[in-house]
PDB file of N, CA and C in Angstrom:
ATOM      1  N   MET A   1      -5.070  18.320  26.349  1.00  0.00           N
ATOM      2  CA  MET A   1      -4.334  17.385  27.156  1.00  0.00           C
ATOM      3  C   MET A   1      -2.900  17.310  26.622  1.00  0.00           C
ATOM      4  N   PRO A   2      -1.907  17.561  27.447  1.00  0.00           N
ATOM      5  CA  PRO A   2      -0.517  17.566  26.979  1.00  0.00           C
ATOM      6  C   PRO A   2      -0.021  16.150  26.688  1.00  0.00           C
ATOM      7  N   ARG A   3       0.895  16.079  25.747  1.00  0.00           N
ATOM      8  CA  ARG A   3       1.496  14.787  25.416  1.00  0.00           C
ATOM      9  C   ARG A   3       2.492  14.386  26.498  1.00  0.00           C
ATOM     10  N   ARG A   4       2.524  13.113  26.777  1.00  0.00           N
ATOM     11  CA  ARG A   4       3.502  12.613  27.744  1.00  0.00           C
ATOM     12  C   ARG A   4       4.849  12.474  27.075  1.00  0.00           C
ATOM     13  N   ARG A   5       5.868  12.797  27.792  1.00  0.00           N
ATOM     14  CA  ARG A   5       7.220  12.624  27.264  1.00  0.00           C
ATOM     15  C   ARG A   5       7.655  11.183  27.459  1.00  0.00           C
ATOM     16  N   LYS A   6       8.262  10.654  26.425  1.00  0.00           N
ATOM     17  CA  LYS A   6       8.776   9.287  26.518  1.00  0.00           C
ATOM     18  C   LYS A   6      10.188   9.331  27.072  1.00  0.00           C
ATOM     19  N   THR A   7      10.402   8.566  28.111  1.00  0.00           N
ATOM     20  CA  THR A   7      11.746   8.468  28.661  1.00  0.00           C
ATOM     21  C   THR A   7      12.445   7.307  27.971  1.00  0.00           C
ATOM     22  N   PHE A   8      13.588   7.569  27.411  1.00  0.00           N
ATOM     23  CA  PHE A   8      14.288   6.562  26.631  1.00  0.00           C
ATOM     24  C   PHE A   8      15.053   5.611  27.536  1.00  0.00           C
ATOM     25  N   GLY A   9      15.073   4.349  27.137  1.00  0.00           N
ATOM     26  CA  GLY A   9      15.845   3.354  27.850  1.00  0.00           C
ATOM     27  C   GLY A   9      15.119   2.685  28.996  1.00  0.00           C
ATOM     28  N   THR A  10      13.837   2.951  29.158  1.00  0.00           N
ATOM     29  CA  THR A  10      13.119   2.338  30.276  1.00  0.00           C
ATOM     30  C   THR A  10      12.227   1.195  29.847  1.00  0.00           C
ATOM     31  N   SER A  11      12.077   0.975  28.548  1.00  0.00           N
ATOM     32  CA  SER A  11      11.203  -0.107  28.101  1.00  0.00           C
ATOM     33  C   SER A  11      12.019  -1.384  27.925  1.00  0.00           C
ATOM     34  N   PHE A  12      11.343  -2.501  28.032  1.00  0.00           N
ATOM     35  CA  PHE A  12      12.000  -3.797  27.879  1.00  0.00           C
ATOM     36  C   PHE A  12      11.097  -4.684  27.048  1.00  0.00           C
ATOM     37  N   SER A  13      11.673  -5.354  26.067  1.00  0.00           N
ATOM     38  CA  SER A  13      10.919  -6.262  25.217  1.00  0.00           C
ATOM     39  C   SER A  13      11.538  -7.646  25.311  1.00  0.00           C
ATOM     40  N   TRP A  14      10.775  -8.590  25.787  1.00  0.00           N
ATOM     41  CA  TRP A  14      11.302  -9.956  25.910  1.00  0.00           C
ATOM     42  C   TRP A  14      11.493 -10.579  24.540  1.00  0.00           C
ATOM     43  N   LYS A  15      10.729 -10.137  23.532  1.00  0.00           N
ATOM     44  CA  LYS A  15      10.892 -10.702  22.182  1.00  0.00           C
ATOM     45  C   LYS A  15      12.239 -10.283  21.587  1.00  0.00           C
ATOM     46  N   ARG A  16      12.598  -9.017  21.800  1.00  0.00           N
ATOM     47  CA  ARG A  16      13.891  -8.565  21.291  1.00  0.00           C
ATOM     48  C   ARG A  16      15.041  -9.172  22.086  1.00  0.00           C
ATOM     49  N   ALA A  17      14.858  -9.307  23.395  1.00  0.00           N
ATOM     50  CA  ALA A  17      15.907  -9.874  24.242  1.00  0.00           C
ATOM     51  C   ALA A  17      16.152 -11.345  23.909  1.00  0.00           C
ATOM     52  N   SER A  18      15.089 -12.074  23.533  1.00  0.00           N
ATOM     53  CA  SER A  18      15.242 -13.495  23.223  1.00  0.00           C
ATOM     54  C   SER A  18      15.724 -13.739  21.796  1.00  0.00           C
ATOM     55  N   GLY A  19      15.732 -12.693  20.957  1.00  0.00           N
ATOM     56  CA  GLY A  19      16.181 -12.844  19.578  1.00  0.00           C
ATOM     57  C   GLY A  19      15.071 -13.195  18.618  1.00  0.00           C
ATOM     58  N   MET A  20      13.831 -13.187  19.093  1.00  0.00           N
ATOM     59  CA  MET A  20      12.711 -13.560  18.245  1.00  0.00           C
ATOM     60  C   MET A  20      12.503 -12.542  17.111  1.00  0.00           C
ATOM     61  N   SER A  21      12.669 -11.269  17.412  1.00  0.00           N
ATOM     62  CA  SER A  21      12.478 -10.231  16.394  1.00  0.00           C
ATOM     63  C   SER A  21      13.505 -10.368  15.272  1.00  0.00           C
ATOM     64  N   ALA A  22      14.740 -10.611  15.625  1.00  0.00           N
ATOM     65  CA  ALA A  22      15.798 -10.762  14.619  1.00  0.00           C
ATOM     66  C   ALA A  22      15.560 -12.004  13.774  1.00  0.00           C
ATOM     67  N   ALA A  23      15.109 -13.093  14.409  1.00  0.00           N
ATOM     68  CA  ALA A  23      14.844 -14.325  13.664  1.00  0.00           C
ATOM     69  C   ALA A  23      13.704 -14.124  12.673  1.00  0.00           C
ATOM     70  N   LYS A  24      12.659 -13.413  13.101  1.00  0.00           N
ATOM     71  CA  LYS A  24      11.543 -13.136  12.190  1.00  0.00           C
ATOM     72  C   LYS A  24      11.998 -12.271  11.024  1.00  0.00           C
ATOM     73  N   GLY A  25      12.871 -11.299  11.296  1.00  0.00           N
ATOM     74  CA  GLY A  25      13.379 -10.442  10.235  1.00  0.00           C
ATOM     75  C   GLY A  25      14.207 -11.216   9.228  1.00  0.00           C
ATOM     76  N   ARG A  26      15.072 -12.112   9.725  1.00  0.00           N
ATOM     77  CA  ARG A  26      15.895 -12.921   8.819  1.00  0.00           C
ATOM     78  C   ARG A  26      15.026 -13.844   7.976  1.00  0.00           C
ATOM     79  N   LEU A  27      14.037 -14.486   8.606  1.00  0.00           N
ATOM     80  CA  LEU A  27      13.143 -15.387   7.877  1.00  0.00           C
ATOM     81  C   LEU A  27      12.366 -14.626   6.810  1.00  0.00           C
ATOM     82  N   SER A  28      11.889 -13.456   7.163  1.00  0.00           N
ATOM     83  CA  SER A  28      11.120 -12.638   6.227  1.00  0.00           C
ATOM     84  C   SER A  28      11.960 -12.262   5.011  1.00  0.00           C
ATOM     85  N   ARG A  29      13.213 -11.905   5.223  1.00  0.00           N
ATOM     86  CA  ARG A  29      14.085 -11.560   4.098  1.00  0.00           C
ATOM     87  C   ARG A  29      14.409 -12.778   3.252  1.00  0.00           C
ATOM     88  N   GLN A  30      14.549 -13.948   3.875  1.00  0.00           N
ATOM     89  CA  GLN A  30      14.870 -15.158   3.121  1.00  0.00           C
ATOM     90  C   GLN A  30      13.720 -15.586   2.225  1.00  0.00           C
ATOM     91  N   ILE A  31      12.497 -15.577   2.751  1.00  0.00           N
ATOM     92  CA  ILE A  31      11.358 -16.050   1.958  1.00  0.00           C
ATOM     93  C   ILE A  31      10.798 -14.953   1.067  1.00  0.00           C
ATOM     94  N   GLY A  32      11.162 -13.697   1.333  1.00  0.00           N
ATOM     95  CA  GLY A  32      10.721 -12.599   0.488  1.00  0.00           C
ATOM     96  C   GLY A  32       9.307 -12.122   0.742  1.00  0.00           C
ATOM     97  N   VAL A  33       8.695 -12.589   1.821  1.00  0.00           N
ATOM     98  CA  VAL A  33       7.336 -12.176   2.164  1.00  0.00           C
ATOM     99  C   VAL A  33       7.361 -11.605   3.574  1.00  0.00           C
ATOM    100  N   PRO A  34       6.897 -10.369   3.748  1.00  0.00           N
ATOM    101  CA  PRO A  34       6.871  -9.797   5.093  1.00  0.00           C
ATOM    102  C   PRO A  34       5.935 -10.572   6.011  1.00  0.00           C
ATOM    103  N   LEU A  35       6.324 -10.725   7.260  1.00  0.00           N
ATOM    104  CA  LEU A  35       5.517 -11.485   8.210  1.00  0.00           C
ATOM    105  C   LEU A  35       4.520 -10.615   8.967  1.00  0.00           C
ATOM    106  N   THR A  36       4.587  -9.305   8.785  1.00  0.00           N
ATOM    107  CA  THR A  36       3.643  -8.418   9.464  1.00  0.00           C
ATOM    108  C   THR A  36       2.560  -7.982   8.486  1.00  0.00           C
ATOM    109  N   ARG A  37       1.401  -7.672   9.007  1.00  0.00           N
ATOM    110  CA  ARG A  37       0.282  -7.241   8.167  1.00  0.00           C
ATOM    111  C   ARG A  37       0.637  -5.953   7.429  1.00  0.00           C
ATOM    112  N   GLY A  38       1.252  -5.021   8.150  1.00  0.00           N
ATOM    113  CA  GLY A  38       1.630  -3.759   7.525  1.00  0.00           C
ATOM    114  C   GLY A  38       2.647  -3.945   6.418  1.00  0.00           C
ATOM    115  N   GLY A  39       3.599  -4.837   6.632  1.00  0.00           N
ATOM    116  CA  GLY A  39       4.611  -5.103   5.620  1.00  0.00           C
ATOM    117  C   GLY A  39       4.014  -5.717   4.368  1.00  0.00           C
ATOM    118  N   ARG A  40       3.069  -6.632   4.566  1.00  0.00           N
ATOM    119  CA  ARG A  40       2.398  -7.240   3.413  1.00  0.00           C
ATOM    120  C   ARG A  40       1.596  -6.202   2.650  1.00  0.00           C
ATOM    121  N   ARG A  41       0.927  -5.301   3.367  1.00  0.00           N
ATOM    122  CA  ARG A  41       0.150  -4.246   2.697  1.00  0.00           C
ATOM    123  C   ARG A  41       1.060  -3.309   1.922  1.00  0.00           C
ATOM    124  N   GLN A  42       2.210  -2.959   2.495  1.00  0.00           N
ATOM    125  CA  GLN A  42       3.149  -2.090   1.787  1.00  0.00           C
ATOM    126  C   GLN A  42       3.660  -2.765   0.523  1.00  0.00           C
ATOM    127  N   LYS A  43       3.948  -4.053   0.614  1.00  0.00           N
ATOM    128  CA  LYS A  43       4.460  -4.774  -0.548  1.00  0.00           C
ATOM    129  C   LYS A  43       3.397  -4.827  -1.648  1.00  0.00           C
ATOM    130  N   MET A  44       2.156  -5.075  -1.269  1.00  0.00           N
ATOM    131  CA  MET A  44       1.073  -5.094  -2.253  1.00  0.00           C
ATOM    132  C   MET A  44       0.860  -3.702  -2.844  1.00  0.00           C
ATOM    133  N   GLY A  45       0.969  -2.674  -2.025  1.00  0.00           N
ATOM    134  CA  GLY A  45       0.807  -1.310  -2.517  1.00  0.00           C
ATOM    135  C   GLY A  45       1.872  -0.938  -3.525  1.00  0.00           C
ATOM    136  N   ARG A  46       3.111  -1.351  -3.258  1.00  0.00           N
ATOM    137  CA  ARG A  46       4.186  -1.078  -4.217  1.00  0.00           C
ATOM    138  C   ARG A  46       3.955  -1.839  -5.512  1.00  0.00           C
ATOM    139  N   ALA A  47       3.478  -3.073  -5.416  1.00  0.00           N
ATOM    140  CA  ALA A  47       3.222  -3.865  -6.618  1.00  0.00           C
ATOM    141  C   ALA A  47       2.063  -3.273  -7.424  1.00  0.00           C
ATOM    142  N   MET A  48       1.042  -2.794  -6.738  1.00  0.00           N
ATOM    143  CA  MET A  48      -0.095  -2.200  -7.431  1.00  0.00           C
ATOM    144  C   MET A  48       0.259  -0.837  -8.001  1.00  0.00           C
ATOM    145  N   GLY A  49       1.204  -0.157  -7.404  1.00  0.00           N
ATOM    146  CA  GLY A  49       1.597   1.161  -7.878  1.00  0.00           C
ATOM    147  C   GLY A  49       2.154   1.121  -9.286  1.00  0.00           C
ATOM    148  N   CYS A  50       2.924   0.089  -9.604  1.00  0.00           N
ATOM    149  CA  CYS A  50       3.495   0.009 -10.949  1.00  0.00           C
ATOM    150  C   CYS A  50       2.475  -0.545 -11.936  1.00  0.00           C
ATOM    151  N   ALA A  51       1.417  -1.193 -11.469  1.00  0.00           N
ATOM    152  CA  ALA A  51       0.395  -1.733 -12.358  1.00  0.00           C
ATOM    153  C   ALA A  51      -0.742  -0.744 -12.581  1.00  0.00           C
ATOM    154  N   LEU A  52      -0.776   0.343 -11.811  1.00  0.00           N
ATOM    155  CA  LEU A  52      -1.878   1.291 -11.903  1.00  0.00           C
ATOM    156  C   LEU A  52      -1.990   1.946 -13.273  1.00  0.00           C
ATOM    157  N   PRO A  53      -0.907   2.443 -13.878  1.00  0.00           N
ATOM    158  CA  PRO A  53      -1.063   3.038 -15.217  1.00  0.00           C
ATOM    159  C   PRO A  53      -1.597   2.036 -16.238  1.00  0.00           C
ATOM    160  N   PHE A  54      -1.143   0.795 -16.168  1.00  0.00           N
ATOM    161  CA  PHE A  54      -1.620  -0.240 -17.085  1.00  0.00           C
ATOM    162  C   PHE A  54      -3.111  -0.494 -16.877  1.00  0.00           C
ATOM    163  N   ALA A  55      -3.551  -0.530 -15.613  1.00  0.00           N
ATOM    164  CA  ALA A  55      -4.966  -0.758 -15.323  1.00  0.00           C
ATOM    165  C   ALA A  55      -5.816   0.395 -15.832  1.00  0.00           C
ATOM    166  N   LEU A  56      -5.339   1.616 -15.696  1.00  0.00           N
ATOM    167  CA  LEU A  56      -6.091   2.769 -16.191  1.00  0.00           C
ATOM    168  C   LEU A  56      -6.214   2.739 -17.703  1.00  0.00           C
ATOM    169  N   ILE A  57      -5.153   2.341 -18.391  1.00  0.00           N
ATOM    170  CA  ILE A  57      -5.201   2.247 -19.851  1.00  0.00           C
ATOM    171  C   ILE A  57      -6.191   1.174 -20.276  1.00  0.00           C
ATOM    172  N   CYS A  58      -6.199   0.034 -19.577  1.00  0.00           N
ATOM    173  CA  CYS A  58      -7.135  -1.047 -19.909  1.00  0.00           C
ATOM    174  C   CYS A  58      -8.577  -0.608 -19.694  1.00  0.00           C
ATOM    175  N   VAL A  59      -8.836   0.078 -18.594  1.00  0.00           N
ATOM    176  CA  VAL A  59     -10.190   0.548 -18.313  1.00  0.00           C
ATOM    177  C   VAL A  59     -10.632   1.540 -19.374  1.00  0.00           C
ATOM    178  N   ALA A  60      -9.744   2.423 -19.777  1.00  0.00           N
ATOM    179  CA  ALA A  60     -10.081   3.404 -20.806  1.00  0.00           C
ATOM    180  C   ALA A  60     -10.355   2.714 -22.136  1.00  0.00           C
ATOM    181  N   ALA A  61      -9.554   1.707 -22.479  1.00  0.00           N
ATOM    182  CA  ALA A  61      -9.746   0.993 -23.739  1.00  0.00           C
ATOM    183  C   ALA A  61     -11.070   0.243 -23.751  1.00  0.00           C
ATOM    184  N   VAL A  62     -11.413  -0.386 -22.641  1.00  0.00           N
ATOM    185  CA  VAL A  62     -12.688  -1.113 -22.555  1.00  0.00           C
ATOM    186  C   VAL A  62     -13.862  -0.136 -22.647  1.00  0.00           C
ATOM    187  N   GLY A  63     -13.722   1.002 -22.003  1.00  0.00           N
ATOM    188  CA  GLY A  63     -14.776   2.012 -22.061  1.00  0.00           C
ATOM    189  C   GLY A  63     -14.973   2.538 -23.469  1.00  0.00           C
ATOM    190  N   MET A  64     -13.876   2.781 -24.187  1.00  0.00           N
ATOM    191  CA  MET A  64     -13.981   3.277 -25.561  1.00  0.00           C
ATOM    192  C   MET A  64     -14.570   2.220 -26.475  1.00  0.00           C
ATOM    193  N   ALA A  65     -14.182   0.961 -26.283  1.00  0.00           N
ATOM    194  CA  ALA A  65     -14.729  -0.115 -27.103  1.00  0.00           C
ATOM    195  C   ALA A  65     -16.222  -0.277 -26.834  1.00  0.00           C
ATOM    196  N   GLY A  66     -16.619  -0.147 -25.584  1.00  0.00           N
ATOM    197  CA  GLY A  66     -18.040  -0.278 -25.241  1.00  0.00           C
ATOM    198  C   GLY A  66     -18.875   0.821 -25.852  1.00  0.00           C
ATOM    199  N   THR A  67     -18.384   2.045 -25.841  1.00  0.00           N
ATOM    200  CA  THR A  67     -19.147   3.144 -26.444  1.00  0.00           C
ATOM    201  C   THR A  67     -19.198   3.020 -27.944  1.00  0.00           C
ATOM    202  N   THR A  68     -18.134   2.475 -28.552  1.00  0.00           N
ATOM    203  CA  THR A  68     -18.135   2.275 -30.000  1.00  0.00           C
ATOM    204  C   THR A  68     -19.166   1.225 -30.397  1.00  0.00           C
ATOM    205  N   ILE A  69     -19.272   0.163 -29.623  1.00  0.00           N
ATOM    206  CA  ILE A  69     -20.255  -0.903 -29.911  1.00  0.00           C
ATOM    207  C   ILE A  69     -21.665  -0.370 -29.740  1.00  0.00           C
ATOM    208  N   VAL A  70     -21.907   0.378 -28.682  1.00  0.00           N
ATOM    209  CA  VAL A  70     -23.241   0.947 -28.436  1.00  0.00           C
ATOM    210  C   VAL A  70     -23.592   1.913 -29.561  1.00  0.00           C
ATOM    211  N   TRP A  71     -22.637   2.721 -30.003  1.00  0.00           N
ATOM    212  CA  TRP A  71     -22.888   3.676 -31.076  1.00  0.00           C
ATOM    213  C   TRP A  71     -23.197   2.954 -32.389  1.00  0.00           C
ATOM    214  N   ALA A  72     -22.473   1.841 -32.660  1.00  0.00           N
ATOM    215  CA  ALA A  72     -22.662   1.093 -33.900  1.00  0.00           C
ATOM    216  C   ALA A  72     -24.024   0.381 -33.905  1.00  0.00           C
ATOM    217  N   LEU A  73     -24.457  -0.081 -32.745  1.00  0.00           N
ATOM    218  CA  LEU A  73     -25.737  -0.795 -32.663  1.00  0.00           C
ATOM    219  C   LEU A  73     -26.928   0.167 -32.626  1.00  0.00           C
ATOM    220  N   GLY A  74     -26.681   1.385 -32.171  1.00  0.00           N
ATOM    221  CA  GLY A  74     -27.752   2.360 -31.953  1.00  0.00           C
ATOM    222  C   GLY A  74     -28.216   2.946 -33.218  1.00  0.00           C
TER     223      GLY A  74
END
């Protein structure tokens, strides 16, 4: 099935025409929290990205400590 071509300039958005989109964008930048689900997920993903190496090190340390305790008790 062929893709339909999008004709530019034929769509109309009442939210953009009324200024609602711009107001939401300004509010989102002021409070620092995205108002869309996708934006919130991206922000959480970026925050988790910098914490991932730390989490891996913690998991490895706990695993090594657990095996050391099991070995000492065994």
